[in-house]
Structure formats: structure tokens, C-alpha cells
Amino acid sequence: MGKYQLDTKGKVAVTKYHEKHKPAKFDKKQQLEKIRAEYLKKKQEQTDK
């Protein structure tokens, strides 16, 4: 065990902190959908001119 042992209240606080601060999971499908939407929007603007 580590030097500092947390009680249940401390463990909950640490878990909460880590959940809040972990980076957003990289979702490839969502990213592709976003890029596709931007591309289609740009393409639409070009055809409108």
C-alpha cells in the first residue's frame, strides 16, 4: 500500500476527480461524421456560387 491510505470518503473524491479530468474518449466514427458534415457544407457553398 502507499504511504497515504484513503478512507471511503477520500476514495470517492479521488474517483470523482479522475472521472472529471480524464480526456474525452476519441470516437473515430463521430470524428468522421463531423469531417463529412463540414465537407458537404463546404461543397454546398461552392455549388451555390
C-alpha atoms as a PDB file:
ATOM      1  CA  MET A   1       0.000   0.000   0.000  1.00  0.00           C
ATOM      2  CA  GLY A   2       1.003   3.590  -0.469  1.00  0.00           C
ATOM      3  CA  LYS A   3       2.099   5.957   2.209  1.00  0.00           C
ATOM      4  CA  TYR A   4      -1.319   7.595   2.353  1.00  0.00           C
ATOM      5  CA  GLN A   5      -4.343   5.356   2.790  1.00  0.00           C
ATOM      6  CA  LEU A   6      -7.689   6.855   1.881  1.00  0.00           C
ATOM      7  CA  ASP A   7     -10.910   6.216   3.719  1.00  0.00           C
ATOM      8  CA  THR A   8     -14.095   5.613   1.703  1.00  0.00           C
ATOM      9  CA  LYS A   9     -14.874   9.342   1.552  1.00  0.00           C
ATOM     10  CA  GLY A  10     -11.399  10.056   0.157  1.00  0.00           C
ATOM     11  CA  LYS A  11     -11.643   7.246  -2.389  1.00  0.00           C
ATOM     12  CA  VAL A  12     -14.957   8.616  -3.664  1.00  0.00           C
ATOM     13  CA  ALA A  13     -13.422  12.079  -4.010  1.00  0.00           C
ATOM     14  CA  VAL A  14     -10.447  10.716  -5.950  1.00  0.00           C
ATOM     15  CA  THR A  15     -12.674   8.671  -8.275  1.00  0.00           C
ATOM     16  CA  LYS A  16     -14.852  11.707  -8.919  1.00  0.00           C
ATOM     17  CA  TYR A  17     -11.775  13.823  -9.670  1.00  0.00           C
ATOM     18  CA  HIS A  18     -10.386  11.307 -12.153  1.00  0.00           C
ATOM     19  CA  GLU A  19     -13.704  10.958 -13.961  1.00  0.00           C
ATOM     20  CA  LYS A  20     -13.902  14.713 -14.329  1.00  0.00           C
ATOM     21  CA  HIS A  21     -10.342  15.119 -15.572  1.00  0.00           C
ATOM     22  CA  LYS A  22      -9.875  12.166 -17.905  1.00  0.00           C
ATOM     23  CA  PRO A  23      -9.685  13.252 -21.556  1.00  0.00           C
ATOM     24  CA  ALA A  24     -12.760  12.710 -23.681  1.00  0.00           C
ATOM     25  CA  LYS A  25     -12.586   9.319 -25.369  1.00  0.00           C
ATOM     26  CA  PHE A  26     -11.620   9.707 -29.010  1.00  0.00           C
ATOM     27  CA  ASP A  27     -14.532   8.466 -31.049  1.00  0.00           C
ATOM     28  CA  LYS A  28     -13.437   7.827 -34.629  1.00  0.00           C
ATOM     29  CA  LYS A  29     -16.961   7.426 -36.039  1.00  0.00           C
ATOM     30  CA  GLN A  30     -18.090  10.715 -34.531  1.00  0.00           C
ATOM     31  CA  GLN A  31     -14.950  12.436 -35.836  1.00  0.00           C
ATOM     32  CA  LEU A  32     -15.544  11.109 -39.366  1.00  0.00           C
ATOM     33  CA  GLU A  33     -19.167  12.226 -39.259  1.00  0.00           C
ATOM     34  CA  LYS A  34     -18.069  15.721 -38.226  1.00  0.00           C
ATOM     35  CA  ILE A  35     -15.480  15.954 -41.022  1.00  0.00           C
ATOM     36  CA  ARG A  36     -18.015  14.641 -43.542  1.00  0.00           C
ATOM     37  CA  ALA A  37     -20.603  17.226 -42.482  1.00  0.00           C
ATOM     38  CA  GLU A  38     -18.059  20.046 -42.819  1.00  0.00           C
ATOM     39  CA  TYR A  39     -17.003  18.772 -46.245  1.00  0.00           C
ATOM     40  CA  LEU A  40     -20.580  18.574 -47.513  1.00  0.00           C
ATOM     41  CA  LYS A  41     -21.292  22.050 -46.184  1.00  0.00           C
ATOM     42  CA  LYS A  42     -18.222  23.441 -47.952  1.00  0.00           C
ATOM     43  CA  LYS A  43     -19.131  21.609 -51.157  1.00  0.00           C
ATOM     44  CA  GLN A  44     -22.675  23.014 -50.987  1.00  0.00           C
ATOM     45  CA  GLU A  45     -21.329  26.565 -50.589  1.00  0.00           C
ATOM     46  CA  GLN A  46     -19.102  26.101 -53.646  1.00  0.00           C
ATOM     47  CA  THR A  47     -22.004  24.897 -55.791  1.00  0.00           C
ATOM     48  CA  ASP A  48     -24.183  27.795 -54.628  1.00  0.00           C
ATOM     49  CA  LYS A  49     -21.739  30.368 -56.021  1.00  0.00           C
END
